[in-house]
């Protein structure tokens, strides 16, 4: 079967003209997804710069960080006003992080284990990972320091995106109520 040819699109289309050419109607969900997608793109752009264009390295690093923190994060699935949540907050500094290994990272991401192993070596070379034996990978303090500014920018972008999506959802809800 020959490859499909891309349709020629007039780049000077308005949003309304573009929406009229789409086979399914553009919904409020499409608009909200666009804003959420912009957050994702901004995050990937930052990662591309921080990891010298190696997004697989970024993914391995991120999965290791997530795995290391997974035990600690589970403690915060309760309501913030519950007594146990408050007790966990007080004991946060004493919580132990969970080390991981290349096999668990490969399983979580779908990246071949050998690729993960090479990326782990690269992260170690950069001083961003600490290793105890073959099965105990944790983030190094240098990695956290290196990511500090970028992490703050990502959180600000996340909060702004979430706030904008909430405002749009409220506006769409008001529109739906008026139509009834």
N, C-alpha and C. Protein backbone atom coordinates (compact mmCIF):
# COMPACT_ATOMS: atom_id res chain seq x y z
N UNK A 1 0.85 -1.17 0.00
CA UNK A 1 0.00 0.00 0.00
C UNK A 1 0.90 1.24 0.00
N UNK A 2 0.69 2.16 -0.93
CA UNK A 2 1.56 3.35 -0.98
C UNK A 2 1.29 4.26 0.20
N UNK A 3 2.31 5.00 0.63
CA UNK A 3 2.12 5.92 1.77
C UNK A 3 1.11 7.01 1.42
N UNK A 4 0.37 7.43 2.43
CA UNK A 4 -0.61 8.51 2.23
C UNK A 4 0.12 9.82 2.03
N UNK A 5 -0.37 10.60 1.12
CA UNK A 5 0.21 11.92 0.89
C UNK A 5 -0.46 12.91 1.83
N UNK A 6 0.33 13.79 2.33
CA UNK A 6 -0.21 14.84 3.21
C UNK A 6 -1.06 15.78 2.38
N UNK A 7 -2.18 16.20 2.97
CA UNK A 7 -3.01 17.19 2.29
C UNK A 7 -2.34 18.54 2.34
N UNK A 8 -2.53 19.30 1.29
CA UNK A 8 -2.03 20.67 1.29
C UNK A 8 -2.99 21.51 2.10
N UNK A 9 -2.46 22.24 3.05
CA UNK A 9 -3.28 23.07 3.93
C UNK A 9 -2.88 24.52 3.74
N UNK A 10 -3.87 25.37 3.60
CA UNK A 10 -3.63 26.80 3.50
C UNK A 10 -3.22 27.29 4.88
N UNK A 11 -1.99 27.75 5.02
CA UNK A 11 -1.48 28.16 6.33
C UNK A 11 -2.08 29.47 6.81
N UNK A 12 -2.85 30.13 5.99
CA UNK A 12 -3.46 31.39 6.42
C UNK A 12 -4.89 31.18 6.92
N UNK A 13 -5.27 29.94 7.21
CA UNK A 13 -6.61 29.64 7.71
C UNK A 13 -6.84 30.26 9.08
N UNK A 14 -8.08 30.64 9.32
CA UNK A 14 -8.46 31.04 10.68
C UNK A 14 -8.76 29.78 11.47
N UNK A 15 -8.87 29.90 12.77
CA UNK A 15 -9.20 28.76 13.61
C UNK A 15 -10.56 28.18 13.21
N UNK A 16 -11.51 29.05 12.94
CA UNK A 16 -12.85 28.60 12.52
C UNK A 16 -12.80 27.85 11.20
N UNK A 17 -12.02 28.34 10.23
CA UNK A 17 -11.89 27.65 8.94
C UNK A 17 -11.23 26.29 9.13
N UNK A 18 -10.20 26.25 9.97
CA UNK A 18 -9.53 24.98 10.24
C UNK A 18 -10.51 24.00 10.89
N UNK A 19 -11.28 24.47 11.87
CA UNK A 19 -12.24 23.62 12.56
C UNK A 19 -13.28 23.07 11.59
N UNK A 20 -13.69 23.87 10.60
CA UNK A 20 -14.69 23.41 9.65
C UNK A 20 -14.16 22.33 8.72
N UNK A 21 -12.85 22.21 8.59
CA UNK A 21 -12.25 21.21 7.72
C UNK A 21 -11.91 19.91 8.45
N UNK A 22 -12.08 19.90 9.77
CA UNK A 22 -11.80 18.71 10.57
C UNK A 22 -13.05 17.84 10.55
N UNK A 23 -12.86 16.52 10.39
CA UNK A 23 -14.02 15.63 10.26
C UNK A 23 -14.82 15.49 11.55
N UNK A 24 -14.19 15.68 12.70
CA UNK A 24 -14.93 15.66 13.96
C UNK A 24 -14.98 17.09 14.50
N UNK A 25 -16.05 17.44 15.16
CA UNK A 25 -16.15 18.83 15.63
C UNK A 25 -15.11 19.15 16.70
N UNK A 26 -14.56 20.35 16.62
CA UNK A 26 -13.64 20.80 17.67
C UNK A 26 -14.49 21.08 18.91
N UNK A 27 -14.06 20.54 20.00
CA UNK A 27 -14.82 20.68 21.23
C UNK A 27 -14.03 21.51 22.23
N UNK A 28 -14.68 21.78 23.34
CA UNK A 28 -13.98 22.47 24.42
C UNK A 28 -12.80 21.62 24.87
N UNK A 29 -12.99 20.29 24.84
CA UNK A 29 -11.92 19.37 25.23
C UNK A 29 -10.70 19.56 24.33
N UNK A 30 -10.92 19.83 23.05
CA UNK A 30 -9.81 20.06 22.12
C UNK A 30 -9.02 21.29 22.55
N UNK A 31 -9.73 22.32 22.94
CA UNK A 31 -9.05 23.54 23.37
C UNK A 31 -8.27 23.29 24.66
N UNK A 32 -8.88 22.59 25.61
CA UNK A 32 -8.19 22.30 26.87
C UNK A 32 -6.97 21.42 26.62
N UNK A 33 -7.10 20.45 25.74
CA UNK A 33 -5.98 19.58 25.40
C UNK A 33 -4.84 20.36 24.76
N UNK A 34 -5.18 21.37 24.00
CA UNK A 34 -4.15 22.20 23.37
C UNK A 34 -3.32 22.92 24.44
N UNK A 35 -3.97 23.46 25.45
CA UNK A 35 -3.23 24.12 26.53
C UNK A 35 -2.37 23.12 27.31
N UNK A 36 -2.94 21.95 27.59
CA UNK A 36 -2.16 20.92 28.29
C UNK A 36 -0.98 20.48 27.43
N UNK A 37 -1.22 20.36 26.14
CA UNK A 37 -0.14 19.98 25.21
C UNK A 37 0.97 21.01 25.19
N UNK A 38 0.61 22.27 25.30
CA UNK A 38 1.63 23.33 25.32
C UNK A 38 2.55 23.17 26.52
N UNK A 39 1.97 22.80 27.66
CA UNK A 39 2.79 22.53 28.85
C UNK A 39 3.78 21.40 28.56
N UNK A 40 3.29 20.33 27.96
CA UNK A 40 4.14 19.18 27.64
C UNK A 40 5.27 19.58 26.69
N UNK A 41 4.94 20.33 25.66
CA UNK A 41 5.95 20.77 24.69
C UNK A 41 7.00 21.64 25.38
N UNK A 42 6.56 22.57 26.22
CA UNK A 42 7.52 23.42 26.93
C UNK A 42 8.46 22.59 27.81
N UNK A 43 7.90 21.58 28.48
CA UNK A 43 8.71 20.71 29.33
C UNK A 43 9.73 19.93 28.49
N UNK A 44 9.29 19.41 27.36
CA UNK A 44 10.20 18.66 26.49
C UNK A 44 11.30 19.57 25.91
N UNK A 45 10.95 20.81 25.61
CA UNK A 45 11.98 21.75 25.12
C UNK A 45 13.05 21.98 26.19
N UNK A 46 12.61 22.18 27.43
CA UNK A 46 13.57 22.35 28.52
C UNK A 46 14.45 21.11 28.67
N UNK A 47 13.81 19.95 28.63
CA UNK A 47 14.55 18.70 28.77
C UNK A 47 15.55 18.54 27.62
N UNK A 48 15.15 18.90 26.44
CA UNK A 48 16.03 18.79 25.28
C UNK A 48 17.31 19.61 25.50
N UNK A 49 17.13 20.81 26.04
CA UNK A 49 18.30 21.66 26.32
C UNK A 49 19.12 21.11 27.49
N UNK A 50 18.47 20.72 28.57
CA UNK A 50 19.18 20.24 29.76
C UNK A 50 19.94 18.94 29.52
N UNK A 51 19.41 18.11 28.63
CA UNK A 51 20.00 16.80 28.39
C UNK A 51 20.68 16.73 27.02
N UNK A 52 21.11 17.88 26.54
CA UNK A 52 21.88 17.97 25.29
C UNK A 52 21.21 17.23 24.14
N UNK A 53 19.91 17.37 24.02
CA UNK A 53 19.18 16.78 22.91
C UNK A 53 18.82 15.31 23.08
N UNK A 54 19.15 14.71 24.20
CA UNK A 54 18.92 13.28 24.41
C UNK A 54 17.68 13.08 25.28
N UNK A 55 16.51 13.00 24.64
CA UNK A 55 15.27 12.85 25.39
C UNK A 55 15.13 11.48 26.05
N UNK A 56 15.82 10.48 25.52
CA UNK A 56 15.82 9.17 26.18
C UNK A 56 16.56 9.26 27.51
N UNK A 57 17.65 10.02 27.53
CA UNK A 57 18.38 10.24 28.78
C UNK A 57 17.48 10.94 29.80
N UNK A 58 16.72 11.92 29.33
CA UNK A 58 15.76 12.63 30.18
C UNK A 58 14.73 11.66 30.75
N UNK A 59 14.20 10.78 29.91
CA UNK A 59 13.19 9.84 30.36
C UNK A 59 13.75 8.87 31.41
N UNK A 60 14.95 8.37 31.18
CA UNK A 60 15.59 7.47 32.15
C UNK A 60 15.82 8.21 33.46
N UNK A 61 16.35 9.42 33.38
CA UNK A 61 16.59 10.23 34.57
C UNK A 61 15.28 10.47 35.33
N UNK A 62 14.24 10.86 34.60
CA UNK A 62 12.95 11.14 35.22
C UNK A 62 12.34 9.92 35.88
N UNK A 63 12.48 8.78 35.23
CA UNK A 63 11.93 7.54 35.81
C UNK A 63 12.69 7.14 37.07
N UNK A 64 14.00 7.32 37.06
CA UNK A 64 14.79 7.03 38.27
C UNK A 64 14.35 7.95 39.40
N UNK A 65 14.20 9.23 39.09
CA UNK A 65 13.76 10.19 40.11
C UNK A 65 12.39 9.80 40.65
N UNK A 66 11.48 9.45 39.76
CA UNK A 66 10.14 9.06 40.19
C UNK A 66 10.18 7.80 41.04
N UNK A 67 10.93 6.82 40.61
CA UNK A 67 11.05 5.57 41.36
C UNK A 67 11.64 5.84 42.75
N UNK A 68 12.68 6.66 42.80
CA UNK A 68 13.31 6.99 44.08
C UNK A 68 12.30 7.62 45.04
N UNK A 69 11.41 8.41 44.52
CA UNK A 69 10.46 9.14 45.37
C UNK A 69 9.12 8.43 45.54
N UNK A 70 8.90 7.30 44.85
CA UNK A 70 7.58 6.67 44.84
C UNK A 70 7.08 6.30 46.24
N UNK A 71 7.94 5.78 47.09
CA UNK A 71 7.53 5.41 48.45
C UNK A 71 7.10 6.66 49.23
N UNK A 72 7.87 7.71 49.09
CA UNK A 72 7.55 8.96 49.79
C UNK A 72 6.24 9.54 49.26
N UNK A 73 6.05 9.51 47.94
CA UNK A 73 4.85 10.09 47.33
C UNK A 73 3.58 9.34 47.72
N UNK A 74 3.67 8.04 47.94
CA UNK A 74 2.49 7.27 48.33
C UNK A 74 1.91 7.77 49.64
N UNK A 75 2.75 8.31 50.47
CA UNK A 75 2.29 8.81 51.77
C UNK A 75 1.38 10.02 51.63
N UNK A 76 1.36 10.65 50.46
CA UNK A 76 0.60 11.89 50.30
C UNK A 76 -0.65 11.71 49.46
N UNK A 77 -1.17 10.49 49.40
CA UNK A 77 -2.38 10.25 48.64
C UNK A 77 -3.64 10.48 49.47
N UNK A 78 -3.46 10.76 50.74
CA UNK A 78 -4.60 11.05 51.61
C UNK A 78 -4.92 12.54 51.54
N UNK A 79 -6.03 12.91 52.12
CA UNK A 79 -6.43 14.32 52.16
C UNK A 79 -5.44 15.12 53.01
N UNK A 80 -5.06 16.31 52.55
CA UNK A 80 -4.08 17.13 53.28
C UNK A 80 -4.49 17.51 54.69
N UNK A 81 -5.76 17.45 55.01
CA UNK A 81 -6.19 17.82 56.36
C UNK A 81 -6.30 16.61 57.30
N UNK A 82 -5.95 15.41 56.81
CA UNK A 82 -6.04 14.23 57.68
C UNK A 82 -4.87 14.21 58.66
N UNK A 83 -5.07 13.67 59.85
CA UNK A 83 -3.98 13.61 60.85
C UNK A 83 -2.76 12.83 60.35
N UNK A 84 -2.99 11.73 59.62
CA UNK A 84 -1.85 10.94 59.15
C UNK A 84 -1.04 11.70 58.10
N UNK A 85 -1.70 12.51 57.27
CA UNK A 85 -1.00 13.31 56.27
C UNK A 85 -0.11 14.34 56.97
N UNK A 86 -0.66 14.98 57.98
CA UNK A 86 0.12 15.98 58.72
C UNK A 86 1.31 15.34 59.42
N UNK A 87 1.12 14.16 59.97
CA UNK A 87 2.23 13.45 60.63
C UNK A 87 3.31 13.09 59.61
N UNK A 88 2.90 12.66 58.43
CA UNK A 88 3.87 12.33 57.38
C UNK A 88 4.64 13.57 56.93
N UNK A 89 3.97 14.68 56.85
CA UNK A 89 4.65 15.94 56.48
C UNK A 89 5.73 16.27 57.50
N UNK A 90 5.41 16.09 58.77
CA UNK A 90 6.40 16.37 59.82
C UNK A 90 7.61 15.43 59.71
N UNK A 91 7.37 14.19 59.26
CA UNK A 91 8.45 13.22 59.16
C UNK A 91 9.07 13.10 57.78
N UNK A 92 8.75 14.05 56.89
CA UNK A 92 9.21 13.97 55.51
C UNK A 92 10.74 13.85 55.39
N UNK A 93 11.47 14.61 56.18
CA UNK A 93 12.93 14.61 56.09
C UNK A 93 13.55 13.25 56.43
N UNK A 94 12.83 12.43 57.17
CA UNK A 94 13.39 11.13 57.56
C UNK A 94 12.95 10.00 56.64
N UNK A 95 12.08 10.29 55.67
CA UNK A 95 11.61 9.26 54.74
C UNK A 95 12.78 8.76 53.89
N UNK A 96 12.83 7.47 53.68
CA UNK A 96 13.88 6.85 52.87
C UNK A 96 13.45 6.82 51.40
N UNK A 97 14.38 7.13 50.52
CA UNK A 97 14.08 7.01 49.10
C UNK A 97 14.27 5.56 48.67
N UNK A 98 13.62 5.20 47.59
CA UNK A 98 13.64 3.82 47.09
C UNK A 98 14.60 3.72 45.92
N UNK A 99 15.71 2.98 46.08
CA UNK A 99 16.62 2.81 44.95
C UNK A 99 15.97 1.94 43.87
N UNK A 100 16.51 1.99 42.66
CA UNK A 100 16.00 1.16 41.57
C UNK A 100 17.16 0.57 40.80
N UNK A 101 16.85 -0.17 39.74
CA UNK A 101 17.88 -0.75 38.90
C UNK A 101 17.49 -0.59 37.43
N UNK A 102 18.40 -0.91 36.53
CA UNK A 102 18.16 -0.73 35.10
C UNK A 102 16.97 -1.56 34.62
N UNK A 103 16.81 -2.76 35.16
CA UNK A 103 15.70 -3.61 34.73
C UNK A 103 14.35 -2.98 35.08
N UNK A 104 14.22 -2.42 36.27
CA UNK A 104 12.94 -1.79 36.65
C UNK A 104 12.67 -0.55 35.80
N UNK A 105 13.71 0.19 35.46
CA UNK A 105 13.53 1.37 34.60
C UNK A 105 13.14 0.94 33.20
N UNK A 106 13.76 -0.12 32.70
CA UNK A 106 13.42 -0.65 31.38
C UNK A 106 11.96 -1.10 31.35
N UNK A 107 11.55 -1.82 32.38
CA UNK A 107 10.17 -2.31 32.45
C UNK A 107 9.16 -1.16 32.51
N UNK A 108 9.48 -0.12 33.25
CA UNK A 108 8.55 1.00 33.42
C UNK A 108 8.44 1.85 32.15
N UNK A 109 9.53 1.98 31.40
CA UNK A 109 9.54 2.88 30.24
C UNK A 109 9.38 2.18 28.90
N UNK A 110 9.71 0.89 28.86
CA UNK A 110 9.70 0.19 27.57
C UNK A 110 10.99 0.38 26.79
N UNK A 111 11.94 1.09 27.37
CA UNK A 111 13.24 1.29 26.74
C UNK A 111 14.06 0.01 26.95
N UNK A 112 14.71 -0.50 25.91
CA UNK A 112 15.50 -1.72 26.09
C UNK A 112 16.51 -1.59 27.22
N UNK A 113 16.70 -2.69 27.96
CA UNK A 113 17.57 -2.66 29.14
C UNK A 113 18.98 -2.21 28.80
N UNK A 114 19.51 -2.63 27.67
CA UNK A 114 20.87 -2.23 27.30
C UNK A 114 20.95 -0.72 27.07
N UNK A 115 19.92 -0.14 26.49
CA UNK A 115 19.87 1.32 26.30
C UNK A 115 19.82 2.01 27.66
N UNK A 116 18.99 1.49 28.56
CA UNK A 116 18.90 2.06 29.91
C UNK A 116 20.28 1.99 30.58
N UNK A 117 20.94 0.86 30.44
CA UNK A 117 22.26 0.69 31.05
C UNK A 117 23.24 1.75 30.53
N UNK A 118 23.23 2.00 29.22
CA UNK A 118 24.11 3.04 28.64
C UNK A 118 23.75 4.43 29.17
N UNK A 119 22.45 4.71 29.29
CA UNK A 119 22.01 6.01 29.79
C UNK A 119 22.39 6.17 31.26
N UNK A 120 22.30 5.09 32.03
CA UNK A 120 22.71 5.13 33.43
C UNK A 120 24.19 5.47 33.52
N UNK A 121 25.00 4.87 32.66
CA UNK A 121 26.44 5.18 32.65
C UNK A 121 26.67 6.66 32.33
N UNK A 122 25.89 7.20 31.40
CA UNK A 122 26.01 8.62 31.05
C UNK A 122 25.63 9.50 32.24
N UNK A 123 24.56 9.15 32.92
CA UNK A 123 24.13 9.92 34.10
C UNK A 123 25.16 9.84 35.21
N UNK A 124 25.79 8.68 35.37
CA UNK A 124 26.86 8.54 36.36
C UNK A 124 28.05 9.41 35.97
N UNK A 125 28.39 9.42 34.70
CA UNK A 125 29.51 10.23 34.20
C UNK A 125 29.28 11.72 34.47
N UNK A 126 28.03 12.14 34.36
CA UNK A 126 27.68 13.53 34.64
C UNK A 126 27.64 13.83 36.14
N UNK A 127 27.69 12.78 36.95
CA UNK A 127 27.63 12.96 38.40
C UNK A 127 26.21 13.11 38.91
N UNK A 128 25.22 12.67 38.12
CA UNK A 128 23.82 12.85 38.49
C UNK A 128 23.21 11.63 39.16
N UNK A 129 23.93 10.51 39.16
CA UNK A 129 23.44 9.29 39.81
C UNK A 129 24.47 8.77 40.79
N UNK A 130 23.96 8.20 41.85
CA UNK A 130 24.81 7.48 42.81
C UNK A 130 24.43 6.01 42.70
N UNK A 131 25.43 5.14 42.76
CA UNK A 131 25.19 3.71 42.61
C UNK A 131 25.83 2.96 43.76
N UNK A 132 25.05 2.04 44.32
CA UNK A 132 25.58 1.09 45.30
C UNK A 132 25.35 -0.28 44.70
N UNK A 133 26.40 -0.88 44.16
CA UNK A 133 26.25 -2.18 43.51
C UNK A 133 25.48 -2.04 42.21
N UNK A 134 25.08 -3.16 41.66
CA UNK A 134 24.40 -3.16 40.36
C UNK A 134 22.93 -2.80 40.46
N UNK A 135 22.35 -2.92 41.64
CA UNK A 135 20.90 -2.80 41.74
C UNK A 135 20.40 -1.61 42.56
N UNK A 136 21.23 -0.65 42.80
CA UNK A 136 20.82 0.44 43.67
C UNK A 136 21.20 1.79 43.07
N UNK A 137 20.28 2.35 42.28
CA UNK A 137 20.49 3.65 41.64
C UNK A 137 19.64 4.70 42.34
N UNK A 138 20.28 5.81 42.71
CA UNK A 138 19.56 6.94 43.28
C UNK A 138 20.12 8.23 42.68
N UNK A 139 19.32 9.26 42.70
CA UNK A 139 19.80 10.57 42.23
C UNK A 139 20.90 11.07 43.16
N UNK A 140 21.88 11.71 42.57
CA UNK A 140 22.95 12.33 43.35
C UNK A 140 22.56 13.78 43.67
N UNK A 141 23.07 14.33 44.76
CA UNK A 141 22.76 15.72 45.09
C UNK A 141 23.07 16.70 43.95
N UNK A 142 24.11 16.42 43.18
CA UNK A 142 24.47 17.29 42.06
C UNK A 142 23.33 17.37 41.02
N UNK A 143 22.63 16.25 40.82
CA UNK A 143 21.51 16.24 39.87
C UNK A 143 20.40 17.16 40.35
N UNK A 144 20.10 17.09 41.63
CA UNK A 144 19.03 17.91 42.19
C UNK A 144 19.40 19.39 42.08
N UNK A 145 20.65 19.71 42.38
CA UNK A 145 21.12 21.10 42.25
C UNK A 145 21.04 21.57 40.80
N UNK A 146 21.43 20.70 39.87
CA UNK A 146 21.42 21.05 38.45
C UNK A 146 20.00 21.31 37.94
N UNK A 147 19.03 20.57 38.47
CA UNK A 147 17.65 20.67 38.00
C UNK A 147 16.83 21.73 38.73
N UNK A 148 17.39 22.33 39.77
CA UNK A 148 16.63 23.24 40.63
C UNK A 148 15.91 24.35 39.85
N UNK A 149 16.62 25.10 39.05
CA UNK A 149 16.02 26.23 38.33
C UNK A 149 14.99 25.74 37.32
N UNK A 150 15.34 24.71 36.60
CA UNK A 150 14.42 24.18 35.60
C UNK A 150 13.17 23.60 36.26
N UNK A 151 13.36 22.90 37.36
CA UNK A 151 12.22 22.33 38.08
C UNK A 151 11.27 23.41 38.56
N UNK A 152 11.81 24.53 39.02
CA UNK A 152 10.97 25.65 39.44
C UNK A 152 10.19 26.23 38.27
N UNK A 153 10.84 26.36 37.13
CA UNK A 153 10.17 26.89 35.93
C UNK A 153 9.07 25.94 35.47
N UNK A 154 9.33 24.64 35.53
CA UNK A 154 8.32 23.65 35.13
C UNK A 154 7.13 23.72 36.07
N UNK A 155 7.37 23.85 37.38
CA UNK A 155 6.27 23.94 38.33
C UNK A 155 5.44 25.21 38.11
N UNK A 156 6.11 26.32 37.85
CA UNK A 156 5.38 27.57 37.56
C UNK A 156 4.52 27.41 36.31
N UNK A 157 5.08 26.81 35.27
CA UNK A 157 4.35 26.58 34.03
C UNK A 157 3.16 25.64 34.29
N UNK A 158 3.39 24.60 35.09
CA UNK A 158 2.32 23.65 35.42
C UNK A 158 1.17 24.36 36.16
N UNK A 159 1.51 25.15 37.16
CA UNK A 159 0.48 25.87 37.93
C UNK A 159 -0.29 26.84 37.04
N UNK A 160 0.41 27.57 36.18
CA UNK A 160 -0.26 28.51 35.28
C UNK A 160 -1.17 27.78 34.30
N UNK A 161 -0.69 26.66 33.77
CA UNK A 161 -1.50 25.88 32.83
C UNK A 161 -2.74 25.34 33.54
N UNK A 162 -2.56 24.79 34.75
CA UNK A 162 -3.70 24.26 35.50
C UNK A 162 -4.71 25.36 35.80
N UNK A 163 -4.23 26.53 36.17
CA UNK A 163 -5.13 27.65 36.47
C UNK A 163 -5.91 28.06 35.21
N UNK A 164 -5.23 28.14 34.08
CA UNK A 164 -5.89 28.52 32.83
C UNK A 164 -6.93 27.47 32.43
N UNK A 165 -6.59 26.20 32.56
CA UNK A 165 -7.54 25.14 32.22
C UNK A 165 -8.76 25.21 33.14
N UNK A 166 -8.54 25.45 34.44
CA UNK A 166 -9.68 25.59 35.36
C UNK A 166 -10.58 26.76 34.96
N UNK A 167 -9.97 27.88 34.61
CA UNK A 167 -10.76 29.05 34.20
C UNK A 167 -11.55 28.74 32.93
N UNK A 168 -10.93 28.09 31.96
CA UNK A 168 -11.64 27.74 30.72
C UNK A 168 -12.76 26.74 30.99
N UNK A 169 -12.50 25.75 31.83
CA UNK A 169 -13.55 24.78 32.18
C UNK A 169 -14.74 25.49 32.82
N UNK A 170 -14.47 26.43 33.71
CA UNK A 170 -15.55 27.19 34.35
C UNK A 170 -16.34 27.98 33.31
N UNK A 171 -15.62 28.62 32.39
CA UNK A 171 -16.29 29.40 31.34
C UNK A 171 -17.15 28.49 30.45
N UNK A 172 -16.63 27.31 30.09
CA UNK A 172 -17.39 26.38 29.26
C UNK A 172 -18.62 25.87 30.01
N UNK A 173 -18.48 25.65 31.30
CA UNK A 173 -19.62 25.20 32.12
C UNK A 173 -20.70 26.27 32.14
N UNK A 174 -20.29 27.51 32.31
CA UNK A 174 -21.27 28.61 32.32
C UNK A 174 -21.98 28.69 30.97
N UNK A 175 -21.25 28.51 29.87
CA UNK A 175 -21.86 28.54 28.54
C UNK A 175 -22.90 27.42 28.39
N UNK A 176 -22.56 26.22 28.86
CA UNK A 176 -23.49 25.09 28.75
C UNK A 176 -24.76 25.35 29.57
N UNK A 177 -24.58 25.92 30.77
CA UNK A 177 -25.75 26.20 31.62
C UNK A 177 -26.65 27.24 30.96
N UNK A 178 -26.06 28.23 30.29
CA UNK A 178 -26.86 29.27 29.62
C UNK A 178 -27.66 28.69 28.46
N UNK A 179 -27.11 27.69 27.79
CA UNK A 179 -27.79 27.09 26.62
C UNK A 179 -29.00 26.26 27.04
N UNK A 180 -29.06 25.85 28.29
CA UNK A 180 -30.18 25.00 28.75
C UNK A 180 -31.41 25.77 28.96
